[in-house]
Amino acid sequence: MAILSYTSEESQIREARQISFDVPDDMNIFELKIMCVRLAHAMGYAPNSVKKAFGETDYETESDKDFSEFLQSINVLTGSLAGEY
């Protein structure tokens, strides 16, 4: 197993200081891209920013599709994702 992690040394923030994913050693490049996208979301980057940076994830799992649909349904109901960068 490998570890994909992010650690913030900023002491003044009240957000996650460490985010870590245990990932298989034999991940293909598409799986790695999905993990990077998930890490960016966990770090608090806006969905639109992540999509601009990484583009479409051509290799989506069923849970990725479900999560994407969930985010879109929240946007339709609340408009909370409108205008994010």
PDB file of N, CA and C in Angstrom:
ATOM      1  N   MET A   1       0.825  -1.192   0.000  1.00  0.00           N
ATOM      2  CA  MET A   1       0.000   0.000   0.000  1.00  0.00           C
ATOM      3  C   MET A   1       0.868   1.254   0.000  1.00  0.00           C
ATOM      4  N   ALA A   2       0.397   2.242  -0.701  1.00  0.00           N
ATOM      5  CA  ALA A   2       1.044   3.549  -0.730  1.00  0.00           C
ATOM      6  C   ALA A   2       0.131   4.539  -0.016  1.00  0.00           C
ATOM      7  N   ILE A   3       0.651   5.700   0.286  1.00  0.00           N
ATOM      8  CA  ILE A   3      -0.139   6.727   0.964  1.00  0.00           C
ATOM      9  C   ILE A   3      -0.071   8.007   0.144  1.00  0.00           C
ATOM     10  N   LEU A   4      -1.227   8.555  -0.160  1.00  0.00           N
ATOM     11  CA  LEU A   4      -1.344   9.852  -0.814  1.00  0.00           C
ATOM     12  C   LEU A   4      -1.844  10.792   0.267  1.00  0.00           C
ATOM     13  N   SER A   5      -1.039  11.805   0.608  1.00  0.00           N
ATOM     14  CA  SER A   5      -1.439  12.632   1.744  1.00  0.00           C
ATOM     15  C   SER A   5      -1.171  14.110   1.515  1.00  0.00           C
ATOM     16  N   TYR A   6      -1.858  14.918   2.315  1.00  0.00           N
ATOM     17  CA  TYR A   6      -1.705  16.364   2.340  1.00  0.00           C
ATOM     18  C   TYR A   6      -1.589  16.767   3.804  1.00  0.00           C
ATOM     19  N   THR A   7      -0.628  17.609   4.119  1.00  0.00           N
ATOM     20  CA  THR A   7      -0.472  18.114   5.472  1.00  0.00           C
ATOM     21  C   THR A   7      -0.287  19.624   5.413  1.00  0.00           C
ATOM     22  N   SER A   8      -1.092  20.331   6.193  1.00  0.00           N
ATOM     23  CA  SER A   8      -0.978  21.787   6.273  1.00  0.00           C
ATOM     24  C   SER A   8      -0.223  22.145   7.534  1.00  0.00           C
ATOM     25  N   GLU A   9       0.692  23.068   7.420  1.00  0.00           N
ATOM     26  CA  GLU A   9       1.430  23.534   8.586  1.00  0.00           C
ATOM     27  C   GLU A   9       0.885  24.861   9.098  1.00  0.00           C
ATOM     28  N   GLU A  10      -0.225  25.302   8.521  1.00  0.00           N
ATOM     29  CA  GLU A  10      -0.875  26.538   8.936  1.00  0.00           C
ATOM     30  C   GLU A  10      -1.615  26.285  10.245  1.00  0.00           C
ATOM     31  N   SER A  11      -1.229  26.949  11.306  1.00  0.00           N
ATOM     32  CA  SER A  11      -1.824  26.695  12.615  1.00  0.00           C
ATOM     33  C   SER A  11      -3.104  27.495  12.868  1.00  0.00           C
ATOM     34  N   GLN A  12      -3.375  28.492  12.049  1.00  0.00           N
ATOM     35  CA  GLN A  12      -4.522  29.365  12.296  1.00  0.00           C
ATOM     36  C   GLN A  12      -5.819  28.885  11.648  1.00  0.00           C
ATOM     37  N   ILE A  13      -5.755  27.904  10.773  1.00  0.00           N
ATOM     38  CA  ILE A  13      -6.969  27.459  10.102  1.00  0.00           C
ATOM     39  C   ILE A  13      -7.741  26.484  10.981  1.00  0.00           C
ATOM     40  N   ARG A  14      -9.029  26.433  10.789  1.00  0.00           N
ATOM     41  CA  ARG A  14      -9.868  25.513  11.539  1.00  0.00           C
ATOM     42  C   ARG A  14     -10.442  24.462  10.591  1.00  0.00           C
ATOM     43  N   GLU A  15      -9.608  23.990   9.711  1.00  0.00           N
ATOM     44  CA  GLU A  15      -9.985  22.964   8.752  1.00  0.00           C
ATOM     45  C   GLU A  15      -9.063  21.778   8.945  1.00  0.00           C
ATOM     46  N   ALA A  16      -9.238  20.781   8.116  1.00  0.00           N
ATOM     47  CA  ALA A  16      -8.397  19.589   8.208  1.00  0.00           C
ATOM     48  C   ALA A  16      -6.934  19.965   8.027  1.00  0.00           C
ATOM     49  N   ARG A  17      -6.114  19.487   8.909  1.00  0.00           N
ATOM     50  CA  ARG A  17      -4.681  19.745   8.799  1.00  0.00           C
ATOM     51  C   ARG A  17      -3.970  18.603   8.093  1.00  0.00           C
ATOM     52  N   GLN A  18      -4.573  17.417   8.145  1.00  0.00           N
ATOM     53  CA  GLN A  18      -3.951  16.278   7.476  1.00  0.00           C
ATOM     54  C   GLN A  18      -5.046  15.430   6.834  1.00  0.00           C
ATOM     55  N   ILE A  19      -4.830  15.108   5.582  1.00  0.00           N
ATOM     56  CA  ILE A  19      -5.733  14.249   4.823  1.00  0.00           C
ATOM     57  C   ILE A  19      -4.868  13.161   4.219  1.00  0.00           C
ATOM     58  N   SER A  20      -5.303  11.922   4.368  1.00  0.00           N
ATOM     59  CA  SER A  20      -4.472  10.819   3.906  1.00  0.00           C
ATOM     60  C   SER A  20      -5.340   9.725   3.296  1.00  0.00           C
ATOM     61  N   PHE A  21      -4.896   9.191   2.174  1.00  0.00           N
ATOM     62  CA  PHE A  21      -5.560   8.069   1.515  1.00  0.00           C
ATOM     63  C   PHE A  21      -4.571   6.917   1.397  1.00  0.00           C
ATOM     64  N   ASP A  22      -4.961   5.737   1.833  1.00  0.00           N
ATOM     65  CA  ASP A  22      -4.177   4.529   1.580  1.00  0.00           C
ATOM     66  C   ASP A  22      -4.593   4.024   0.209  1.00  0.00           C
ATOM     67  N   VAL A  23      -3.652   3.909  -0.692  1.00  0.00           N
ATOM     68  CA  VAL A  23      -3.969   3.522  -2.069  1.00  0.00           C
ATOM     69  C   VAL A  23      -3.134   2.304  -2.469  1.00  0.00           C
ATOM     70  N   PRO A  24      -3.656   1.494  -3.373  1.00  0.00           N
ATOM     71  CA  PRO A  24      -2.890   0.329  -3.812  1.00  0.00           C
ATOM     72  C   PRO A  24      -1.660   0.737  -4.610  1.00  0.00           C
ATOM     73  N   ASP A  25      -0.605  -0.050  -4.498  1.00  0.00           N
ATOM     74  CA  ASP A  25       0.635   0.231  -5.224  1.00  0.00           C
ATOM     75  C   ASP A  25       0.482   0.114  -6.732  1.00  0.00           C
ATOM     76  N   ASP A  26      -0.480  -0.669  -7.175  1.00  0.00           N
ATOM     77  CA  ASP A  26      -0.612  -0.950  -8.605  1.00  0.00           C
ATOM     78  C   ASP A  26      -1.713  -0.130  -9.287  1.00  0.00           C
ATOM     79  N   MET A  27      -1.985   1.064  -8.761  1.00  0.00           N
ATOM     80  CA  MET A  27      -3.012   1.913  -9.375  1.00  0.00           C
ATOM     81  C   MET A  27      -2.598   2.292 -10.791  1.00  0.00           C
ATOM     82  N   ASN A  28      -3.589   2.353 -11.682  1.00  0.00           N
ATOM     83  CA  ASN A  28      -3.282   2.864 -13.018  1.00  0.00           C
ATOM     84  C   ASN A  28      -3.416   4.385 -12.997  1.00  0.00           C
ATOM     85  N   ILE A  29      -3.059   5.038 -14.063  1.00  0.00           N
ATOM     86  CA  ILE A  29      -3.030   6.502 -14.112  1.00  0.00           C
ATOM     87  C   ILE A  29      -4.425   7.113 -13.946  1.00  0.00           C
ATOM     88  N   PHE A  30      -5.454   6.408 -14.412  1.00  0.00           N
ATOM     89  CA  PHE A  30      -6.817   6.916 -14.287  1.00  0.00           C
ATOM     90  C   PHE A  30      -7.286   6.863 -12.831  1.00  0.00           C
ATOM     91  N   GLU A  31      -6.920   5.797 -12.135  1.00  0.00           N
ATOM     92  CA  GLU A  31      -7.254   5.685 -10.716  1.00  0.00           C
ATOM     93  C   GLU A  31      -6.506   6.742  -9.904  1.00  0.00           C
ATOM     94  N   LEU A  32      -5.255   7.002 -10.260  1.00  0.00           N
ATOM     95  CA  LEU A  32      -4.478   8.040  -9.575  1.00  0.00           C
ATOM     96  C   LEU A  32      -5.127   9.411  -9.776  1.00  0.00           C
ATOM     97  N   LYS A  33      -5.578   9.689 -10.981  1.00  0.00           N
ATOM     98  CA  LYS A  33      -6.239  10.964 -11.255  1.00  0.00           C
ATOM     99  C   LYS A  33      -7.485  11.119 -10.384  1.00  0.00           C
ATOM    100  N   ILE A  34      -8.269  10.065 -10.261  1.00  0.00           N
ATOM    101  CA  ILE A  34      -9.470  10.120  -9.428  1.00  0.00           C
ATOM    102  C   ILE A  34      -9.100  10.378  -7.970  1.00  0.00           C
ATOM    103  N   MET A  35      -8.034   9.745  -7.494  1.00  0.00           N
ATOM    104  CA  MET A  35      -7.609   9.974  -6.113  1.00  0.00           C
ATOM    105  C   MET A  35      -7.146  11.420  -5.922  1.00  0.00           C
ATOM    106  N   CYS A  36      -6.474  11.981  -6.907  1.00  0.00           N
ATOM    107  CA  CYS A  36      -6.048  13.380  -6.815  1.00  0.00           C
ATOM    108  C   CYS A  36      -7.248  14.318  -6.794  1.00  0.00           C
ATOM    109  N   VAL A  37      -8.257  13.999  -7.586  1.00  0.00           N
ATOM    110  CA  VAL A  37      -9.491  14.782  -7.590  1.00  0.00           C
ATOM    111  C   VAL A  37     -10.158  14.700  -6.216  1.00  0.00           C
ATOM    112  N   ARG A  38     -10.227  13.499  -5.659  1.00  0.00           N
ATOM    113  CA  ARG A  38     -10.823  13.335  -4.328  1.00  0.00           C
ATOM    114  C   ARG A  38     -10.035  14.099  -3.274  1.00  0.00           C
ATOM    115  N   LEU A  39      -8.715  14.076  -3.370  1.00  0.00           N
ATOM    116  CA  LEU A  39      -7.884  14.811  -2.422  1.00  0.00           C
ATOM    117  C   LEU A  39      -8.149  16.310  -2.536  1.00  0.00           C
ATOM    118  N   ALA A  40      -8.254  16.813  -3.758  1.00  0.00           N
ATOM    119  CA  ALA A  40      -8.538  18.239  -3.961  1.00  0.00           C
ATOM    120  C   ALA A  40      -9.880  18.618  -3.348  1.00  0.00           C
ATOM    121  N   HIS A  41     -10.887  17.766  -3.526  1.00  0.00           N
ATOM    122  CA  HIS A  41     -12.193  18.031  -2.909  1.00  0.00           C
ATOM    123  C   HIS A  41     -12.073  18.016  -1.391  1.00  0.00           C
ATOM    124  N   ALA A  42     -11.348  17.038  -0.854  1.00  0.00           N
ATOM    125  CA  ALA A  42     -11.187  16.939   0.603  1.00  0.00           C
ATOM    126  C   ALA A  42     -10.442  18.143   1.165  1.00  0.00           C
ATOM    127  N   MET A  43      -9.561  18.731   0.368  1.00  0.00           N
ATOM    128  CA  MET A  43      -8.808  19.910   0.801  1.00  0.00           C
ATOM    129  C   MET A  43      -9.662  21.167   0.760  1.00  0.00           C
ATOM    130  N   GLY A  44     -10.850  21.073   0.169  1.00  0.00           N
ATOM    131  CA  GLY A  44     -11.758  22.208   0.173  1.00  0.00           C
ATOM    132  C   GLY A  44     -11.832  22.995  -1.116  1.00  0.00           C
ATOM    133  N   TYR A  45     -11.183  22.517  -2.154  1.00  0.00           N
ATOM    134  CA  TYR A  45     -11.289  23.208  -3.437  1.00  0.00           C
ATOM    135  C   TYR A  45     -12.703  23.077  -3.976  1.00  0.00           C
ATOM    136  N   ALA A  46     -13.187  24.136  -4.592  1.00  0.00           N
ATOM    137  CA  ALA A  46     -14.538  24.147  -5.148  1.00  0.00           C
ATOM    138  C   ALA A  46     -14.638  23.160  -6.306  1.00  0.00           C
ATOM    139  N   PRO A  47     -15.790  22.515  -6.443  1.00  0.00           N
ATOM    140  CA  PRO A  47     -15.974  21.530  -7.520  1.00  0.00           C
ATOM    141  C   PRO A  47     -15.632  22.065  -8.909  1.00  0.00           C
ATOM    142  N   ASN A  48     -16.015  23.312  -9.182  1.00  0.00           N
ATOM    143  CA  ASN A  48     -15.722  23.874 -10.506  1.00  0.00           C
ATOM    144  C   ASN A  48     -14.225  24.068 -10.709  1.00  0.00           C
ATOM    145  N   SER A  49     -13.513  24.445  -9.663  1.00  0.00           N
ATOM    146  CA  SER A  49     -12.055  24.613  -9.753  1.00  0.00           C
ATOM    147  C   SER A  49     -11.378  23.281 -10.021  1.00  0.00           C
ATOM    148  N   VAL A  50     -11.836  22.252  -9.332  1.00  0.00           N
ATOM    149  CA  VAL A  50     -11.259  20.915  -9.517  1.00  0.00           C
ATOM    150  C   VAL A  50     -11.514  20.432 -10.930  1.00  0.00           C
ATOM    151  N   LYS A  51     -12.735  20.665 -11.424  1.00  0.00           N
ATOM    152  CA  LYS A  51     -13.085  20.233 -12.783  1.00  0.00           C
ATOM    153  C   LYS A  51     -12.237  20.965 -13.821  1.00  0.00           C
ATOM    154  N   LYS A  52     -11.994  22.267 -13.600  1.00  0.00           N
ATOM    155  CA  LYS A  52     -11.147  23.033 -14.522  1.00  0.00           C
ATOM    156  C   LYS A  52      -9.716  22.515 -14.512  1.00  0.00           C
ATOM    157  N   ALA A  53      -9.219  22.168 -13.335  1.00  0.00           N
ATOM    158  CA  ALA A  53      -7.826  21.727 -13.210  1.00  0.00           C
ATOM    159  C   ALA A  53      -7.611  20.319 -13.739  1.00  0.00           C
ATOM    160  N   PHE A  54      -8.535  19.421 -13.472  1.00  0.00           N
ATOM    161  CA  PHE A  54      -8.347  18.022 -13.822  1.00  0.00           C
ATOM    162  C   PHE A  54      -9.156  17.583 -15.030  1.00  0.00           C
ATOM    163  N   GLY A  55     -10.115  18.396 -15.453  1.00  0.00           N
ATOM    164  CA  GLY A  55     -10.966  17.992 -16.562  1.00  0.00           C
ATOM    165  C   GLY A  55     -11.938  16.904 -16.144  1.00  0.00           C
ATOM    166  N   GLU A  56     -12.530  16.296 -17.120  1.00  0.00           N
ATOM    167  CA  GLU A  56     -13.469  15.212 -16.850  1.00  0.00           C
ATOM    168  C   GLU A  56     -12.702  13.971 -16.432  1.00  0.00           C
ATOM    169  N   THR A  57     -13.264  13.230 -15.520  1.00  0.00           N
ATOM    170  CA  THR A  57     -12.662  11.948 -15.162  1.00  0.00           C
ATOM    171  C   THR A  57     -13.329  10.882 -16.032  1.00  0.00           C
ATOM    172  N   ASP A  58     -12.584  10.446 -17.030  1.00  0.00           N
ATOM    173  CA  ASP A  58     -13.127   9.465 -17.972  1.00  0.00           C
ATOM    174  C   ASP A  58     -13.345   8.108 -17.321  1.00  0.00           C
ATOM    175  N   TYR A  59     -12.650   7.875 -16.243  1.00  0.00           N
ATOM    176  CA  TYR A  59     -12.687   6.585 -15.574  1.00  0.00           C
ATOM    177  C   TYR A  59     -13.418   6.763 -14.252  1.00  0.00           C
ATOM    178  N   GLU A  60     -14.740   6.837 -14.302  1.00  0.00           N
ATOM    179  CA  GLU A  60     -15.522   7.062 -13.098  1.00  0.00           C
ATOM    180  C   GLU A  60     -16.107   5.760 -12.579  1.00  0.00           C
ATOM    181  N   THR A  61     -16.054   5.593 -11.278  1.00  0.00           N
ATOM    182  CA  THR A  61     -16.715   4.458 -10.656  1.00  0.00           C
ATOM    183  C   THR A  61     -18.175   4.820 -10.443  1.00  0.00           C
ATOM    184  N   GLU A  62     -18.963   3.850 -10.066  1.00  0.00           N
ATOM    185  CA  GLU A  62     -20.379   4.110  -9.809  1.00  0.00           C
ATOM    186  C   GLU A  62     -20.540   5.108  -8.659  1.00  0.00           C
ATOM    187  N   SER A  63     -19.710   4.992  -7.627  1.00  0.00           N
ATOM    188  CA  SER A  63     -19.814   5.932  -6.501  1.00  0.00           C
ATOM    189  C   SER A  63     -19.405   7.343  -6.925  1.00  0.00           C
ATOM    190  N   ASP A  64     -18.454   7.473  -7.859  1.00  0.00           N
ATOM    191  CA  ASP A  64     -18.088   8.795  -8.380  1.00  0.00           C
ATOM    192  C   ASP A  64     -19.270   9.432  -9.099  1.00  0.00           C
ATOM    193  N   LYS A  65     -19.964   8.635  -9.901  1.00  0.00           N
ATOM    194  CA  LYS A  65     -21.130   9.149 -10.624  1.00  0.00           C
ATOM    195  C   LYS A  65     -22.232   9.548  -9.653  1.00  0.00           C
ATOM    196  N   ASP A  66     -22.460   8.719  -8.625  1.00  0.00           N
ATOM    197  CA  ASP A  66     -23.477   9.033  -7.625  1.00  0.00           C
ATOM    198  C   ASP A  66     -23.150  10.331  -6.898  1.00  0.00           C
ATOM    199  N   PHE A  67     -21.871  10.519  -6.536  1.00  0.00           N
ATOM    200  CA  PHE A  67     -21.459  11.718  -5.832  1.00  0.00           C
ATOM    201  C   PHE A  67     -21.632  12.948  -6.718  1.00  0.00           C
ATOM    202  N   SER A  68     -21.293  12.814  -7.983  1.00  0.00           N
ATOM    203  CA  SER A  68     -21.444  13.915  -8.926  1.00  0.00           C
ATOM    204  C   SER A  68     -22.919  14.311  -9.067  1.00  0.00           C
ATOM    205  N   GLU A  69     -23.773  13.310  -9.172  1.00  0.00           N
ATOM    206  CA  GLU A  69     -25.216  13.581  -9.265  1.00  0.00           C
ATOM    207  C   GLU A  69     -25.725  14.239  -7.990  1.00  0.00           C
ATOM    208  N   PHE A  70     -25.199  13.801  -6.844  1.00  0.00           N
ATOM    209  CA  PHE A  70     -25.588  14.392  -5.567  1.00  0.00           C
ATOM    210  C   PHE A  70     -25.211  15.871  -5.523  1.00  0.00           C
ATOM    211  N   LEU A  71     -23.975  16.193  -5.938  1.00  0.00           N
ATOM    212  CA  LEU A  71     -23.547  17.593  -5.951  1.00  0.00           C
ATOM    213  C   LEU A  71     -24.429  18.434  -6.867  1.00  0.00           C
ATOM    214  N   GLN A  72     -24.766  17.888  -8.013  1.00  0.00           N
ATOM    215  CA  GLN A  72     -25.617  18.625  -8.939  1.00  0.00           C
ATOM    216  C   GLN A  72     -27.019  18.830  -8.370  1.00  0.00           C
ATOM    217  N   SER A  73     -27.545  17.829  -7.651  1.00  0.00           N
ATOM    218  CA  SER A  73     -28.878  17.974  -7.056  1.00  0.00           C
ATOM    219  C   SER A  73     -28.864  19.045  -5.967  1.00  0.00           C
ATOM    220  N   ILE A  74     -27.775  19.138  -5.218  1.00  0.00           N
ATOM    221  CA  ILE A  74     -27.661  20.195  -4.205  1.00  0.00           C
ATOM    222  C   ILE A  74     -27.637  21.556  -4.891  1.00  0.00           C
ATOM    223  N   ASN A  75     -26.915  21.638  -5.985  1.00  0.00           N
ATOM    224  CA  ASN A  75     -26.826  22.896  -6.717  1.00  0.00           C
ATOM    225  C   ASN A  75     -28.196  23.314  -7.235  1.00  0.00           C
ATOM    226  N   VAL A  76     -28.972  22.365  -7.739  1.00  0.00           N
ATOM    227  CA  VAL A  76     -30.300  22.683  -8.255  1.00  0.00           C
ATOM    228  C   VAL A  76     -31.202  23.163  -7.123  1.00  0.00           C
ATOM    229  N   LEU A  77     -31.125  22.495  -5.972  1.00  0.00           N
ATOM    230  CA  LEU A  77     -32.004  22.836  -4.846  1.00  0.00           C
ATOM    231  C   LEU A  77     -31.593  24.124  -4.152  1.00  0.00           C
ATOM    232  N   THR A  78     -30.302  24.365  -4.010  1.00  0.00           N
ATOM    233  CA  THR A  78     -29.852  25.500  -3.196  1.00  0.00           C
ATOM    234  C   THR A  78     -29.133  26.584  -3.982  1.00  0.00           C
ATOM    235  N   GLY A  79     -28.617  26.228  -5.160  1.00  0.00           N
ATOM    236  CA  GLY A  79     -27.817  27.185  -5.914  1.00  0.00           C
ATOM    237  C   GLY A  79     -26.468  27.446  -5.267  1.00  0.00           C
ATOM    238  N   SER A  80     -26.075  26.582  -4.319  1.00  0.00           N
ATOM    239  CA  SER A  80     -24.847  26.829  -3.558  1.00  0.00           C
ATOM    240  C   SER A  80     -23.583  26.704  -4.378  1.00  0.00           C
ATOM    241  N   LEU A  81     -23.641  26.019  -5.498  1.00  0.00           N
ATOM    242  CA  LEU A  81     -22.440  25.863  -6.315  1.00  0.00           C
ATOM    243  C   LEU A  81     -22.364  26.902  -7.437  1.00  0.00           C
ATOM    244  N   ALA A  82     -23.376  27.736  -7.542  1.00  0.00           N
ATOM    245  CA  ALA A  82     -23.415  28.734  -8.607  1.00  0.00           C
ATOM    246  C   ALA A  82     -22.313  29.771  -8.393  1.00  0.00           C
ATOM    247  N   GLY A  83     -21.587  30.049  -9.436  1.00  0.00           N
ATOM    248  CA  GLY A  83     -20.579  31.099  -9.389  1.00  0.00           C
ATOM    249  C   GLY A  83     -19.298  30.719  -8.693  1.00  0.00           C
ATOM    250  N   GLU A  84     -19.092  29.430  -8.376  1.00  0.00           N
ATOM    251  CA  GLU A  84     -17.844  29.032  -7.718  1.00  0.00           C
ATOM    252  C   GLU A  84     -16.732  28.998  -8.746  1.00  0.00           C
ATOM    253  N   TYR A  85     -15.522  29.189  -8.297  1.00  0.00           N
ATOM    254  CA  TYR A  85     -14.375  29.244  -9.187  1.00  0.00           C
ATOM    255  C   TYR A  85     -13.563  27.995  -9.080  1.00  0.00           C
TER     256      TYR A  85
END
